[in-house]
N, C-alpha and C. Protein backbone atom coordinates (compact mmCIF):
# COMPACT_ATOMS: atom_id res chain seq x y z
N MET A 1 -13.85 -0.76 3.15
CA MET A 1 -13.60 -0.88 4.85
C MET A 1 -13.23 0.45 5.23
N LYS A 2 -14.08 0.15 6.79
CA LYS A 2 -13.88 1.54 7.48
C LYS A 2 -12.30 1.51 8.01
N ALA A 3 -11.56 2.36 8.66
CA ALA A 3 -10.28 2.49 9.24
C ALA A 3 -10.20 1.89 10.45
N ALA A 4 -11.24 1.99 11.23
CA ALA A 4 -11.34 1.40 12.47
C ALA A 4 -11.39 0.02 12.30
N ASP A 5 -12.22 -0.63 11.41
CA ASP A 5 -12.16 -2.17 11.61
C ASP A 5 -11.11 -2.83 11.12
N LEU A 6 -9.69 -1.87 10.74
CA LEU A 6 -8.43 -2.42 10.57
C LEU A 6 -7.97 -2.84 11.87
N ASP A 7 -8.16 -2.52 13.35
CA ASP A 7 -7.94 -2.44 14.32
C ASP A 7 -7.17 -4.01 14.53
N GLY A 8 -5.75 -4.26 14.90
CA GLY A 8 -5.42 -5.31 15.40
C GLY A 8 -5.21 -6.17 13.87
N GLN A 9 -5.51 -6.07 12.66
CA GLN A 9 -4.88 -6.40 11.40
C GLN A 9 -3.96 -6.39 10.79
N LYS A 10 -3.31 -7.21 9.56
CA LYS A 10 -2.45 -6.86 9.50
C LYS A 10 -2.66 -5.97 7.93
N VAL A 11 -1.91 -5.01 7.77
CA VAL A 11 -2.31 -4.12 6.70
C VAL A 11 -0.72 -4.20 5.66
N LEU A 12 -1.07 -4.01 4.61
CA LEU A 12 0.16 -3.73 3.49
C LEU A 12 0.04 -2.21 3.24
N LEU A 13 1.20 -1.73 3.33
CA LEU A 13 1.19 -0.03 3.21
C LEU A 13 1.85 -0.08 1.92
N LEU A 14 1.35 0.91 0.66
CA LEU A 14 2.27 0.88 -0.69
C LEU A 14 2.64 2.41 -0.61
N MET A 15 3.85 2.54 -0.02
CA MET A 15 3.81 4.09 0.38
C MET A 15 4.80 4.72 -1.01
N ILE A 16 4.09 5.97 -1.00
CA ILE A 16 4.97 6.56 -2.35
C ILE A 16 5.60 7.96 -1.89
N ASP A 17 6.57 8.33 -1.95
CA ASP A 17 7.20 9.95 -1.98
C ASP A 17 7.00 10.86 -2.81
N ARG A 18 6.32 11.73 -2.84
CA ARG A 18 6.11 12.55 -3.81
C ARG A 18 7.44 12.92 -4.53
N SER A 19 8.56 12.97 -3.75
CA SER A 19 10.01 13.36 -4.44
C SER A 19 10.50 12.33 -5.36
N GLU A 20 9.91 11.14 -5.16
CA GLU A 20 10.68 9.76 -5.95
C GLU A 20 9.12 9.12 -6.36
N MET A 21 8.47 9.60 -7.05
CA MET A 21 7.07 9.26 -7.59
C MET A 21 7.35 7.81 -8.38
N ASP A 22 8.45 7.54 -8.85
CA ASP A 22 8.77 6.14 -9.58
C ASP A 22 9.08 4.99 -8.48
N GLU A 23 9.23 5.24 -7.19
CA GLU A 23 9.60 4.31 -6.46
C GLU A 23 8.46 4.48 -5.12
N THR A 24 8.03 2.77 -4.88
CA THR A 24 6.88 2.52 -3.66
C THR A 24 7.85 1.85 -2.80
N GLY A 25 7.48 2.35 -1.30
CA GLY A 25 7.54 1.47 -0.26
C GLY A 25 7.10 0.35 -0.09
N LEU A 26 6.96 -0.60 -0.04
CA LEU A 26 6.19 -1.59 0.69
C LEU A 26 6.31 -2.25 2.01
N ALA A 27 5.28 -2.02 2.88
CA ALA A 27 5.63 -2.70 4.24
C ALA A 27 4.56 -3.14 4.85
N ALA A 28 4.40 -4.41 5.49
CA ALA A 28 2.97 -4.53 6.47
C ALA A 28 3.47 -4.56 7.59
N GLY A 29 2.46 -4.28 8.59
CA GLY A 29 2.39 -3.99 10.01
C GLY A 29 0.72 -4.26 10.64
N THR A 30 1.03 -4.19 11.92
CA THR A 30 -0.45 -4.33 12.60
C THR A 30 -0.94 -3.00 12.80
N ALA A 31 -2.24 -2.88 12.16
CA ALA A 31 -3.07 -1.78 12.39
C ALA A 31 -3.30 -1.48 13.98
N ARG A 32 -3.56 -0.09 14.04
CA ARG A 32 -3.90 0.18 15.53
C ARG A 32 -4.75 1.16 15.47
N TRP A 33 -5.96 1.21 15.95
CA TRP A 33 -7.03 2.33 15.94
C TRP A 33 -7.31 2.71 17.48
N THR A 34 -6.49 4.39 17.32
CA THR A 34 -6.52 4.95 18.62
C THR A 34 -6.56 6.24 18.86
N ASP A 35 -7.76 6.83 19.35
CA ASP A 35 -8.34 7.99 19.12
C ASP A 35 -8.80 8.65 18.09
N GLY A 36 -9.30 7.81 17.32
CA GLY A 36 -9.93 8.32 16.02
C GLY A 36 -8.72 8.12 14.95
N CYS A 37 -7.56 7.68 15.04
CA CYS A 37 -6.38 7.70 14.20
C CYS A 37 -6.13 5.96 13.81
N LEU A 38 -5.93 5.84 12.57
CA LEU A 38 -5.48 4.70 12.38
C LEU A 38 -3.73 4.85 12.26
N GLU A 39 -3.12 3.90 13.00
CA GLU A 39 -1.63 3.80 12.82
C GLU A 39 -1.21 2.22 12.69
N VAL A 40 -0.36 2.11 11.67
CA VAL A 40 0.44 1.19 11.29
C VAL A 40 1.78 0.63 12.06
N VAL A 41 2.05 -0.32 12.82
CA VAL A 41 3.18 -0.57 13.37
C VAL A 41 4.14 -1.39 12.71
N LEU A 42 5.08 -1.19 12.28
CA LEU A 42 6.11 -2.04 11.40
C LEU A 42 6.76 -3.04 12.00
N PRO A 43 7.16 -4.04 11.97
CA PRO A 43 7.39 -5.01 12.79
C PRO A 43 9.15 -5.18 13.06
N GLY A 44 9.80 -5.30 13.75
CA GLY A 44 11.14 -5.03 14.32
C GLY A 44 11.38 -3.76 14.22
N SER A 45 10.66 -3.05 14.52
CA SER A 45 11.14 -1.56 14.78
C SER A 45 10.09 -0.81 15.70
N ALA A 46 10.21 0.49 15.88
CA ALA A 46 9.23 1.19 16.77
C ALA A 46 8.93 2.16 15.57
N ALA A 47 9.12 1.90 14.59
CA ALA A 47 8.06 2.69 13.24
C ALA A 47 6.93 2.45 13.19
N VAL A 48 5.98 3.57 13.18
CA VAL A 48 4.80 3.70 13.15
C VAL A 48 4.14 4.46 12.26
N VAL A 49 3.48 4.20 11.24
CA VAL A 49 3.25 5.10 10.19
C VAL A 49 1.51 5.44 10.46
N GLN A 50 1.47 7.04 10.65
CA GLN A 50 0.06 7.33 10.27
C GLN A 50 -0.69 6.94 9.29
N VAL A 51 -1.95 6.79 9.21
CA VAL A 51 -2.64 6.33 7.89
C VAL A 51 -4.05 7.04 8.11
N ARG A 52 -4.21 7.95 7.13
CA ARG A 52 -5.43 8.94 6.77
C ARG A 52 -6.61 7.73 6.84
N SER A 53 -7.74 7.80 7.31
CA SER A 53 -8.87 7.18 7.07
C SER A 53 -9.21 7.05 5.63
N VAL A 54 -9.07 8.52 4.84
CA VAL A 54 -9.82 8.58 3.73
C VAL A 54 -9.01 7.47 2.78
N ASP A 55 -7.49 7.44 3.16
CA ASP A 55 -6.78 6.34 2.12
C ASP A 55 -7.13 5.07 2.21
N VAL A 56 -7.65 4.86 3.40
CA VAL A 56 -8.06 3.35 3.68
C VAL A 56 -9.54 3.31 2.83
N GLU A 57 -10.28 3.84 3.29
CA GLU A 57 -11.64 3.85 3.25
C GLU A 57 -11.87 4.30 1.44
N HIS A 58 -10.98 5.17 0.79
CA HIS A 58 -11.28 5.66 -0.50
C HIS A 58 -10.22 4.93 -1.88
N GLY A 59 -9.00 4.64 -1.09
CA GLY A 59 -7.85 4.18 -2.16
C GLY A 59 -7.53 2.91 -1.86
N GLY A 60 -8.08 2.20 -0.59
CA GLY A 60 -7.57 0.71 -0.14
C GLY A 60 -8.63 -0.55 -0.78
N PHE A 61 -7.67 -1.43 -0.79
CA PHE A 61 -8.32 -2.61 -1.48
C PHE A 61 -7.97 -4.04 -0.82
N PRO A 62 -8.54 -4.94 -1.18
CA PRO A 62 -8.08 -6.43 -0.60
C PRO A 62 -6.98 -6.49 -1.60
N PRO A 63 -6.27 -7.67 -0.88
CA PRO A 63 -4.84 -8.23 -1.36
C PRO A 63 -5.05 -9.07 -2.60
N ASP A 64 -5.99 -9.27 -3.05
CA ASP A 64 -6.20 -10.42 -3.95
C ASP A 64 -6.51 -9.42 -5.35
N ARG A 65 -6.54 -8.28 -5.17
CA ARG A 65 -6.65 -7.18 -6.61
C ARG A 65 -4.98 -6.64 -6.84
N LEU A 66 -4.26 -6.99 -6.16
CA LEU A 66 -2.68 -6.70 -6.25
C LEU A 66 -2.53 -7.40 -7.53
N SER A 67 -2.86 -8.48 -8.01
CA SER A 67 -2.04 -8.79 -9.29
C SER A 67 -2.56 -8.47 -10.34
N ASP A 68 -3.84 -7.54 -10.07
CA ASP A 68 -4.46 -6.59 -11.27
C ASP A 68 -3.84 -5.33 -11.61
N LEU A 69 -3.19 -4.91 -10.67
CA LEU A 69 -2.56 -3.95 -10.32
C LEU A 69 -0.79 -3.67 -10.47
N ILE A 70 -0.29 -4.63 -10.54
CA ILE A 70 1.20 -4.36 -10.77
C ILE A 70 1.26 -4.82 -12.17
N SER A 71 2.21 -3.53 -12.52
CA SER A 71 2.49 -3.98 -13.99
C SER A 71 3.48 -5.03 -14.55
N THR A 72 4.23 -5.28 -13.64
CA THR A 72 5.36 -5.90 -13.89
C THR A 72 5.32 -7.64 -13.47
N LYS A 73 4.88 -8.41 -13.97
CA LYS A 73 4.76 -9.76 -13.53
C LYS A 73 6.05 -10.22 -12.62
N ALA A 74 7.20 -10.00 -12.99
CA ALA A 74 8.37 -10.25 -12.62
C ALA A 74 8.68 -10.28 -11.48
N ILE A 75 8.42 -9.05 -10.42
CA ILE A 75 8.18 -8.37 -9.50
C ILE A 75 6.89 -9.29 -8.20
N MET A 76 5.73 -9.55 -9.14
CA MET A 76 4.96 -9.90 -8.26
C MET A 76 5.30 -10.94 -6.90
N HIS A 77 5.94 -11.85 -7.03
CA HIS A 77 6.37 -12.81 -5.73
C HIS A 77 6.91 -11.96 -5.03
N LEU A 78 7.70 -10.59 -5.24
CA LEU A 78 7.90 -9.79 -3.92
C LEU A 78 6.75 -9.06 -3.03
N VAL A 79 5.91 -8.65 -4.29
CA VAL A 79 4.66 -7.83 -3.58
C VAL A 79 4.14 -8.96 -2.62
N GLU A 80 3.76 -10.11 -3.34
CA GLU A 80 3.14 -11.26 -3.00
C GLU A 80 3.45 -11.58 -1.40
N GLU A 81 4.86 -11.80 -1.28
CA GLU A 81 5.60 -12.05 0.05
C GLU A 81 5.11 -10.58 0.81
N CYS A 82 5.63 -9.35 0.25
CA CYS A 82 5.21 -8.47 1.30
C CYS A 82 3.49 -8.39 2.24
N ALA A 83 2.60 -8.86 0.80
CA ALA A 83 1.33 -8.83 1.51
C ALA A 83 0.93 -10.25 2.14
N GLU A 84 1.54 -11.19 2.31
CA GLU A 84 1.34 -12.40 2.88
C GLU A 84 0.41 -12.08 4.20
N GLY A 85 -0.41 -12.46 4.23
CA GLY A 85 -1.67 -12.45 5.76
C GLY A 85 -2.27 -11.18 6.23
N ALA A 86 -1.94 -10.24 4.98
CA ALA A 86 -2.55 -8.59 4.81
C ALA A 86 -4.10 -8.91 4.52
N SER A 87 -5.02 -8.17 5.43
CA SER A 87 -6.49 -7.90 4.67
C SER A 87 -7.01 -6.93 4.49
N TRP A 88 -5.99 -5.76 4.14
CA TRP A 88 -6.34 -4.58 3.54
C TRP A 88 -4.57 -4.09 3.05
N CYS A 89 -4.70 -3.55 1.62
CA CYS A 89 -3.58 -2.48 1.10
C CYS A 89 -4.03 -1.33 0.96
N VAL A 90 -3.27 -0.46 1.61
CA VAL A 90 -3.60 1.15 1.17
C VAL A 90 -2.31 2.04 0.69
N PRO A 91 -2.72 2.39 -0.72
CA PRO A 91 -1.61 3.09 -1.26
C PRO A 91 -2.13 4.50 -0.61
N MET A 92 -0.85 4.91 -0.40
CA MET A 92 -0.75 6.77 0.40
C MET A 92 0.71 7.06 0.15
N PHE A 93 0.39 8.64 0.13
CA PHE A 93 1.54 9.49 0.04
C PHE A 93 2.42 9.63 1.43
N ILE A 94 3.60 9.73 1.27
CA ILE A 94 4.23 9.66 2.48
C ILE A 94 5.30 10.99 2.41
N SER A 95 5.59 11.30 3.64
CA SER A 95 6.80 12.64 3.68
C SER A 95 8.14 11.67 3.99
N ARG A 96 8.35 10.79 4.39
CA ARG A 96 9.47 10.23 4.68
C ARG A 96 9.36 8.83 4.92
N MET A 97 10.05 8.17 4.09
CA MET A 97 9.84 6.54 3.87
C MET A 97 10.66 6.05 5.23
N PRO A 98 9.73 5.07 5.81
CA PRO A 98 10.53 4.30 6.96
C PRO A 98 11.88 3.43 6.25
N GLU A 99 12.52 2.97 7.10
CA GLU A 99 13.92 2.40 6.97
C GLU A 99 13.27 0.70 6.44
N GLN A 100 12.19 0.22 7.01
CA GLN A 100 12.16 -1.04 6.84
C GLN A 100 10.61 -1.47 5.74
N VAL A 101 11.02 -0.84 4.57
CA VAL A 101 10.08 -1.06 3.64
C VAL A 101 11.12 -1.81 2.62
N GLU A 102 10.17 -2.22 1.66
CA GLU A 102 11.04 -3.10 0.44
C GLU A 102 10.46 -2.06 -0.46
N THR A 103 11.75 -1.64 -1.33
CA THR A 103 11.70 -0.49 -2.29
C THR A 103 11.55 -1.20 -3.47
N LEU A 104 10.62 -0.74 -4.62
CA LEU A 104 10.21 -1.47 -5.64
C LEU A 104 10.03 -0.12 -6.71
N THR A 105 10.72 -0.25 -8.03
CA THR A 105 10.22 1.02 -8.87
C THR A 105 9.52 0.67 -9.86
N CYS A 106 8.60 1.91 -10.33
CA CYS A 106 7.65 1.46 -11.34
C CYS A 106 7.05 0.50 -11.40
N ILE A 107 6.05 0.11 -10.31
CA ILE A 107 5.43 -1.06 -9.75
C ILE A 107 4.15 -1.08 -10.50
N PHE A 108 3.27 0.25 -10.48
CA PHE A 108 2.10 0.13 -11.05
C PHE A 108 2.02 0.75 -12.69
N ALA A 109 0.99 0.26 -13.60
CA ALA A 109 0.38 0.44 -14.93
C ALA A 109 -0.02 1.88 -14.76
N GLY A 110 -0.82 2.46 -13.49
CA GLY A 110 -1.10 3.71 -13.93
C GLY A 110 -1.72 3.87 -12.43
N MET A 111 -1.18 5.36 -12.16
CA MET A 111 -1.56 5.79 -10.82
C MET A 111 -2.16 7.47 -10.98
N ALA A 112 -3.16 7.82 -10.25
CA ALA A 112 -3.63 9.24 -10.05
C ALA A 112 -4.00 9.69 -9.03
N SER A 113 -4.19 10.94 -8.66
CA SER A 113 -4.29 11.09 -7.21
C SER A 113 -5.31 12.26 -7.45
N ARG A 114 -6.35 12.25 -6.40
CA ARG A 114 -7.36 13.11 -6.60
C ARG A 114 -6.81 14.37 -5.70
N ALA A 115 -8.03 15.17 -5.82
CA ALA A 115 -7.77 16.68 -5.34
C ALA A 115 -7.12 16.35 -3.46
N ASP A 116 -7.84 15.32 -2.83
CA ASP A 116 -7.54 15.29 -1.40
C ASP A 116 -6.41 14.17 -1.39
N ASP A 117 -5.68 13.84 -2.20
CA ASP A 117 -4.30 13.05 -2.44
C ASP A 117 -4.58 11.55 -2.15
N VAL A 118 -5.91 11.14 -2.37
CA VAL A 118 -5.99 9.78 -2.36
C VAL A 118 -5.85 9.28 -3.49
N ILE A 119 -4.68 8.28 -3.76
CA ILE A 119 -4.18 7.24 -4.80
C ILE A 119 -5.35 6.45 -5.63
N ARG A 120 -5.21 6.79 -6.68
CA ARG A 120 -5.96 5.68 -7.44
C ARG A 120 -4.98 4.95 -8.38
N LEU A 121 -5.09 3.77 -8.06
CA LEU A 121 -4.32 2.52 -8.82
C LEU A 121 -4.91 2.11 -9.91
N MET A 122 -4.60 1.78 -11.44
CA MET A 122 -5.36 1.48 -12.46
C MET A 122 -4.83 0.28 -12.89
N MET A 123 -5.56 -0.69 -13.34
CA MET A 123 -5.21 -1.65 -13.99
C MET A 123 -4.45 -1.97 -15.42
N PRO A 124 -3.03 -2.67 -15.48
CA PRO A 124 -2.46 -2.44 -16.55
C PRO A 124 -3.07 -3.52 -17.87
N PRO A 125 -2.48 -3.20 -18.87
CA PRO A 125 -3.07 -4.03 -20.04
C PRO A 125 -2.45 -5.78 -19.69
N LYS A 126 -3.28 -6.58 -20.22
CA LYS A 126 -3.03 -7.94 -20.05
C LYS A 126 -1.65 -8.43 -20.36
N TRP A 127 -0.45 -9.13 -19.62
CA TRP A 127 0.75 -9.36 -20.37
C TRP A 127 0.87 -10.04 -21.28
N PRO A 128 1.49 -10.25 -21.96
CA PRO A 128 1.52 -10.89 -23.68
C PRO A 128 1.04 -12.39 -23.53
N ASN A 129 1.42 -12.93 -22.66
CA ASN A 129 1.20 -14.42 -22.42
C ASN A 129 -0.53 -14.44 -21.93
N GLY A 130 -1.20 -13.39 -21.77
CA GLY A 130 -2.71 -13.52 -21.40
C GLY A 130 -2.64 -13.82 -19.89
N GLU A 131 -1.90 -13.58 -18.91
CA GLU A 131 -2.21 -13.74 -17.74
C GLU A 131 -2.23 -12.72 -16.80
């Protein structure tokens, strides 16, 4: 998906602070494409998160993939609640976590970053009950 195509759509941000790599902040907001830049406006505040096009286009994925990437089944309901109505999910590094986030610890089975700081999420092994 091209970043510009998200204009006006709900986007789930999976924000990771490099100083707290075990924590992921989840927040969904409305994407706004302005002057070649994507911003996500978080509801209930004036908080705006700048999103790099490369994160959207090379690290992003549709919300139906979330269940394949989350390592702990017990938190899936929280992740799904945050993603409700979102058309795209974008994992990204962030320098300062906004206040309007749901912070979860160790939610991904595997995560790597490319030289350009694009995050790659990896699928966990299947849960013991086969789900």
